[in-house]
Amino acid sequence: MMQLKTLVAQMAQHILARAQSRPFVLGVSGGQGVGKSTFCKALSEYLNDAGTPTLSLSLDDFYLSREARETLARDIHPLCKTRGVPGTHNVAQLSETLQALRSGEDGMDWRLPVFSKSLDDVLPPAQWLTVTRKPEVILLEGWCVGASASCLSPHPQTDWERTHDSASVWKQWSQNQAAAYEDIWATCDSFMLMRQDNFEAVIDSRWAQEKDNAAASGIWQFKTREQVAEFCAHYESWTLGLWRALPPFCDFVIGRDADFTYRHLLD
C-alpha cells in the first residue's frame, strides 16, 4: 500500500526520466471520484516545485455547454443531455488547446475553459483560466481518457441500458463518437489508469465527491446516493470497458482503496 505522496514521487520520477524537447503528456484515466484531480494537483505541485513547469488539464472542463447537449438530446437521444460519455465534449476545443500548449512559447496567453459541475454548464469566458508559462509536462486527466469504440458492446449491457436505451441509439452514437478522440489520445506519451475495485465503489466515490462539491458551492446537483447511482449508470459500460481494455496500453495501473491508499496492479 502507498500513500499519495509516495505515488506522486514515483510518477514524477517516471516523467522526469523521459525528458524531451516538446511537452510530455501523461494521460490519467479513471472512474468518477477515484482521485484523479487530487493526484494530478499533487503531482503538478511536486513537479513545479522541482523546477519543471507542469499543467493539469481536466477533460471535464471541455464538456459541451448545457445548450449544446440539449440540442443533441433533441436530435439524437434524450440521454445525450447528460454530460460524460464520448460525444459530450468539445473535442475540437481540447485538440486546439493541446496543440497550442505544445507549440507555443513562454509569455503567450492560453485561455482554458472552466466547467461547473454544480451548474452543469461551461462558465463564461471571463471566468476561464489564463496560463502564461509554457508547460514542460501536461497532465491530461478524465474519466474516459483513452476510450475507444472497442471498449464496449454496441448492445445494452445493463438493466439500466435496457430500460433507457433498448435500441442502443444513444450507446451506439457515443461509441461512434469515440473515434473523434483518437488523435487526442495519440498525443499522450504515457498512460496511467486509476481504478476502484468495483462499480459500487465508483458510485460511493462519486457520492462523496458530490457532498464535497455541495459544501464548496452551496449547490446540490444530487441530493441522495440513489440519484448519484442513476447518474453513474450512464457511465457503467464505458467504465468497466476501460478497466478491461486500457491496462495493456498503460505504464501504470493503480488501485485505490476506500481509505485513499494506493497499490500497483501491474507487475
Protein backbone atom coordinates (compact mmCIF):
# COMPACT_ATOMS: atom_id res chain seq x y z
CA MET A 1 0.00 0.00 0.00
CA MET A 2 1.14 3.55 -0.75
CA GLN A 3 0.18 6.98 0.44
CA LEU A 4 -0.46 9.69 -2.14
CA LYS A 5 2.96 11.30 -1.65
CA THR A 6 4.72 8.01 -2.50
CA LEU A 7 2.67 7.55 -5.66
CA VAL A 8 3.36 11.15 -6.69
CA ALA A 9 7.11 10.72 -6.19
CA GLN A 10 7.13 7.53 -8.29
CA MET A 11 5.21 9.14 -11.13
CA ALA A 12 7.41 12.24 -11.05
CA GLN A 13 10.49 10.03 -11.38
CA HIS A 14 8.89 8.27 -14.37
CA ILE A 15 8.15 11.60 -16.08
CA LEU A 16 11.48 13.27 -15.36
CA ALA A 17 13.35 10.25 -16.71
CA ARG A 18 11.64 10.78 -20.08
CA ALA A 19 12.61 14.38 -20.73
CA GLN A 20 12.04 15.61 -24.28
CA SER A 21 12.07 18.82 -26.27
CA ARG A 22 8.27 19.09 -26.51
CA PRO A 23 5.88 18.93 -23.54
CA PHE A 24 5.47 15.45 -22.08
CA VAL A 25 1.79 14.47 -21.88
CA LEU A 26 0.60 11.97 -19.28
CA GLY A 27 -2.94 10.66 -19.77
CA VAL A 28 -4.61 9.85 -16.45
CA SER A 29 -7.80 7.80 -16.74
CA GLY A 30 -10.14 6.59 -14.01
CA GLY A 31 -13.74 6.43 -12.85
CA GLN A 32 -15.60 9.21 -11.07
CA GLY A 33 -14.30 10.04 -7.62
CA VAL A 34 -11.19 7.86 -7.84
CA GLY A 35 -8.96 10.84 -7.05
CA LYS A 36 -7.58 11.84 -10.46
CA SER A 37 -7.83 15.56 -9.79
CA THR A 38 -6.29 15.25 -6.32
CA PHE A 39 -3.44 13.14 -7.68
CA CYS A 40 -2.78 15.48 -10.63
CA LYS A 41 -2.85 18.54 -8.38
CA ALA A 42 -0.29 16.94 -6.06
CA LEU A 43 1.89 15.75 -8.96
CA SER A 44 1.72 19.16 -10.62
CA GLU A 45 2.79 20.88 -7.39
CA TYR A 46 5.64 18.37 -6.92
CA LEU A 47 6.99 18.88 -10.45
CA ASN A 48 6.58 22.66 -10.36
CA ASP A 49 8.46 22.79 -7.06
CA ALA A 50 11.18 20.69 -8.70
CA GLY A 51 11.54 23.29 -11.45
CA THR A 52 9.54 21.50 -14.16
CA PRO A 53 6.60 23.68 -15.30
CA THR A 54 3.54 21.44 -15.21
CA LEU A 55 -0.11 22.00 -16.10
CA SER A 56 -3.01 19.78 -15.08
CA LEU A 57 -5.70 19.77 -17.76
CA SER A 58 -9.09 18.22 -16.98
CA LEU A 59 -11.21 16.64 -19.69
CA ASP A 60 -14.22 17.70 -17.59
CA ASP A 61 -13.56 21.35 -18.39
CA PHE A 62 -14.14 20.61 -22.07
CA TYR A 63 -17.70 19.36 -21.75
CA LEU A 64 -20.17 20.81 -24.21
CA SER A 65 -22.42 23.51 -22.84
CA ARG A 66 -25.81 22.57 -21.47
CA GLU A 67 -27.44 24.19 -24.51
CA ALA A 68 -25.34 22.12 -26.92
CA ARG A 69 -26.22 18.92 -25.07
CA GLU A 70 -29.89 19.82 -25.06
CA THR A 71 -29.65 20.12 -28.84
CA LEU A 72 -28.09 16.64 -29.02
CA ALA A 73 -30.88 15.37 -26.78
CA ARG A 74 -33.47 16.62 -29.26
CA ASP A 75 -31.61 15.48 -32.37
CA ILE A 76 -30.07 12.15 -31.25
CA HIS A 77 -31.47 10.78 -27.98
CA PRO A 78 -32.66 12.26 -24.66
CA LEU A 79 -29.72 10.68 -22.79
CA CYS A 80 -27.31 12.95 -24.71
CA LYS A 81 -28.30 15.75 -22.35
CA THR A 82 -26.27 14.15 -19.56
CA ARG A 83 -22.60 15.07 -19.71
CA GLY A 84 -19.94 12.39 -19.59
CA VAL A 85 -19.80 9.83 -22.35
CA PRO A 86 -17.74 10.33 -25.51
CA GLY A 87 -19.67 12.74 -27.70
CA THR A 88 -20.43 15.22 -24.90
CA HIS A 89 -17.06 17.00 -25.02
CA ASN A 90 -15.86 19.86 -27.19
CA VAL A 91 -13.18 17.72 -28.84
CA ALA A 92 -12.09 20.41 -31.31
CA GLN A 93 -11.51 22.89 -28.49
CA LEU A 94 -9.46 20.37 -26.49
CA SER A 95 -7.40 19.42 -29.53
CA GLU A 96 -6.69 23.08 -30.34
CA THR A 97 -5.75 23.77 -26.73
CA LEU A 98 -3.29 20.88 -26.58
CA GLN A 99 -1.74 21.87 -29.88
CA ALA A 100 -1.36 25.49 -28.76
CA LEU A 101 0.20 24.47 -25.44
CA ARG A 102 2.65 22.13 -27.13
CA SER A 103 3.74 24.58 -29.84
CA GLY A 104 3.57 27.94 -28.05
CA GLU A 105 6.21 29.92 -26.19
CA ASP A 106 6.52 31.45 -22.73
CA GLY A 107 4.74 34.75 -22.42
CA MET A 108 1.80 33.72 -24.58
CA ASP A 109 -1.68 33.68 -23.05
CA TRP A 110 -3.53 30.36 -23.17
CA ARG A 111 -7.19 30.56 -22.18
CA LEU A 112 -8.53 27.40 -20.58
CA PRO A 113 -12.29 26.82 -20.22
CA VAL A 114 -13.83 26.02 -16.84
CA PHE A 115 -16.87 23.76 -16.44
CA SER A 116 -19.01 23.98 -13.31
CA LYS A 117 -20.39 20.59 -12.32
CA SER A 118 -22.71 22.22 -9.80
CA LEU A 119 -24.22 24.42 -12.55
CA ASP A 120 -23.78 21.69 -15.21
CA ASP A 121 -22.51 24.26 -17.67
CA VAL A 122 -19.43 25.97 -19.03
CA LEU A 123 -18.62 29.15 -17.12
CA PRO A 124 -18.49 32.47 -19.04
CA PRO A 125 -15.10 33.21 -20.68
CA ALA A 126 -14.43 35.95 -18.12
CA GLN A 127 -14.10 33.17 -15.53
CA TRP A 128 -11.75 30.98 -17.58
CA LEU A 129 -8.14 30.37 -16.54
CA THR A 130 -5.18 32.08 -18.14
CA VAL A 131 -1.82 30.30 -18.43
CA THR A 132 1.25 32.31 -19.43
CA ARG A 133 4.07 29.83 -18.79
CA LYS A 134 4.58 27.07 -21.32
CA PRO A 135 4.38 23.70 -19.56
CA GLU A 136 7.06 21.06 -19.92
CA VAL A 137 4.58 18.48 -18.62
CA ILE A 138 0.83 18.30 -19.27
CA LEU A 139 -1.35 16.04 -17.13
CA LEU A 140 -4.50 15.23 -19.11
CA GLU A 141 -6.98 13.69 -16.71
CA GLY A 142 -10.52 12.46 -17.21
CA TRP A 143 -12.78 9.53 -16.53
CA CYS A 144 -12.77 8.37 -20.17
CA VAL A 145 -9.22 9.28 -21.22
CA GLY A 146 -8.14 6.54 -23.62
CA ALA A 147 -11.68 5.45 -24.52
CA SER A 148 -12.18 3.79 -27.89
CA ALA A 149 -15.13 2.14 -29.61
CA SER A 150 -13.66 -1.29 -28.86
CA CYS A 151 -14.12 -0.74 -25.12
CA LEU A 152 -17.76 -1.77 -25.12
CA SER A 153 -20.50 -3.67 -26.87
CA PRO A 154 -22.93 -1.68 -29.04
CA HIS A 155 -25.82 -3.56 -27.41
CA PRO A 156 -27.39 -3.00 -23.96
CA GLN A 157 -25.18 -4.46 -21.22
CA THR A 158 -27.04 -3.43 -18.07
CA ASP A 159 -30.64 -3.37 -16.90
CA TRP A 160 -30.46 0.44 -16.89
CA GLU A 161 -29.44 0.48 -20.57
CA ARG A 162 -32.18 -1.99 -21.47
CA THR A 163 -34.70 0.31 -19.78
CA HIS A 164 -33.50 3.68 -21.07
CA ASP A 165 -31.89 2.83 -24.43
CA SER A 166 -33.29 -0.53 -25.51
CA ALA A 167 -32.47 0.08 -29.18
CA SER A 168 -28.93 1.28 -28.30
CA VAL A 169 -29.38 4.54 -30.22
CA TRP A 170 -27.55 6.59 -27.57
CA LYS A 171 -24.95 3.95 -26.83
CA GLN A 172 -24.02 3.36 -30.46
CA TRP A 173 -23.91 7.12 -31.04
CA SER A 174 -21.43 7.50 -28.16
CA GLN A 175 -19.41 4.53 -29.37
CA ASN A 176 -19.12 6.10 -32.82
CA GLN A 177 -18.17 9.47 -31.31
CA ALA A 178 -15.14 7.90 -29.59
CA ALA A 179 -13.25 7.96 -32.90
CA ALA A 180 -13.04 11.76 -32.70
CA TYR A 181 -10.88 11.47 -29.55
CA GLU A 182 -8.23 9.17 -31.01
CA ASP A 183 -5.92 11.99 -32.15
CA ILE A 184 -6.03 13.45 -28.64
CA TRP A 185 -5.11 10.14 -27.01
CA ALA A 186 -2.29 9.83 -29.57
CA THR A 187 -0.65 12.95 -28.14
CA CYS A 188 -0.15 11.16 -24.79
CA ASP A 189 3.39 9.92 -24.20
CA SER A 190 2.34 7.73 -21.28
CA PHE A 191 -0.90 6.46 -19.74
CA MET A 192 -1.97 5.77 -16.19
CA LEU A 193 -5.22 4.10 -15.10
CA MET A 194 -6.59 4.64 -11.59
CA ARG A 195 -9.45 2.40 -10.55
CA GLN A 196 -11.63 1.32 -7.67
CA ASP A 197 -12.32 -2.38 -7.00
CA ASN A 198 -15.85 -2.41 -8.44
CA PHE A 199 -18.56 -0.14 -9.80
CA GLU A 200 -20.35 0.16 -6.46
CA ALA A 201 -17.17 1.78 -5.17
CA VAL A 202 -17.35 4.22 -8.10
CA ILE A 203 -20.85 5.25 -7.00
CA ASP A 204 -19.70 5.65 -3.39
CA SER A 205 -16.75 7.77 -4.53
CA ARG A 206 -18.95 9.97 -6.74
CA TRP A 207 -21.41 10.45 -3.87
CA ALA A 208 -18.57 11.57 -1.59
CA GLN A 209 -17.40 13.94 -4.34
CA GLU A 210 -20.92 15.37 -4.68
CA LYS A 211 -21.04 16.16 -0.97
CA ASP A 212 -17.67 17.91 -1.22
CA ASN A 213 -18.83 19.90 -4.28
CA ALA A 214 -22.01 20.97 -2.49
CA ALA A 215 -20.06 22.02 0.61
CA ALA A 216 -17.83 24.21 -1.56
CA SER A 217 -20.51 25.70 -3.82
CA GLY A 218 -23.70 25.52 -1.78
CA ILE A 219 -25.35 23.82 -4.79
CA TRP A 220 -26.51 20.20 -4.80
CA GLN A 221 -26.74 18.51 -8.18
CA PHE A 222 -27.69 15.21 -6.49
CA LYS A 223 -29.15 15.01 -3.01
CA THR A 224 -29.04 11.23 -2.46
CA ARG A 225 -26.78 8.31 -3.28
CA GLU A 226 -29.62 6.86 -5.34
CA GLN A 227 -29.59 9.91 -7.60
CA VAL A 228 -25.82 9.58 -7.95
CA ALA A 229 -26.23 5.89 -8.86
CA GLU A 230 -28.71 6.87 -11.59
CA PHE A 231 -26.20 9.39 -12.92
CA CYS A 232 -23.31 6.90 -12.81
CA ALA A 233 -25.38 4.33 -14.71
CA HIS A 234 -24.71 6.43 -17.82
CA TYR A 235 -21.03 5.51 -17.44
CA GLU A 236 -21.07 1.92 -16.23
CA SER A 237 -20.44 0.10 -19.51
CA TRP A 238 -17.76 2.58 -20.55
CA THR A 239 -16.05 2.41 -17.15
CA LEU A 240 -15.95 -1.37 -16.99
CA GLY A 241 -14.87 -1.49 -20.63
CA LEU A 242 -11.99 0.90 -19.94
CA TRP A 243 -10.90 -1.19 -16.97
CA ARG A 244 -10.66 -4.20 -19.27
CA ALA A 245 -9.17 -2.52 -22.33
CA LEU A 246 -6.67 0.06 -21.04
CA PRO A 247 -4.16 -1.91 -18.91
CA PRO A 248 -2.12 -3.26 -21.88
CA PHE A 249 -1.54 0.32 -23.03
CA CYS A 250 -0.72 1.77 -19.61
CA ASP A 251 2.63 2.23 -17.92
CA PHE A 252 0.85 2.25 -14.57
CA VAL A 253 -2.42 0.73 -13.34
CA ILE A 254 -3.17 1.90 -9.82
CA GLY A 255 -5.80 0.52 -7.46
CA ARG A 256 -7.32 2.97 -5.00
CA ASP A 257 -8.85 1.78 -1.76
CA ALA A 258 -11.63 3.42 0.23
CA ASP A 259 -9.11 4.98 2.64
CA PHE A 260 -7.29 6.61 -0.30
CA THR A 261 -4.26 4.36 -0.18
CA TYR A 262 -2.90 3.07 -3.49
CA ARG A 263 -1.38 -0.09 -4.91
CA HIS A 264 0.19 -1.13 -8.18
CA LEU A 265 -1.93 -3.58 -10.18
CA LEU A 266 0.67 -4.20 -12.90
CA ASP A 267 3.69 -6.41 -12.25
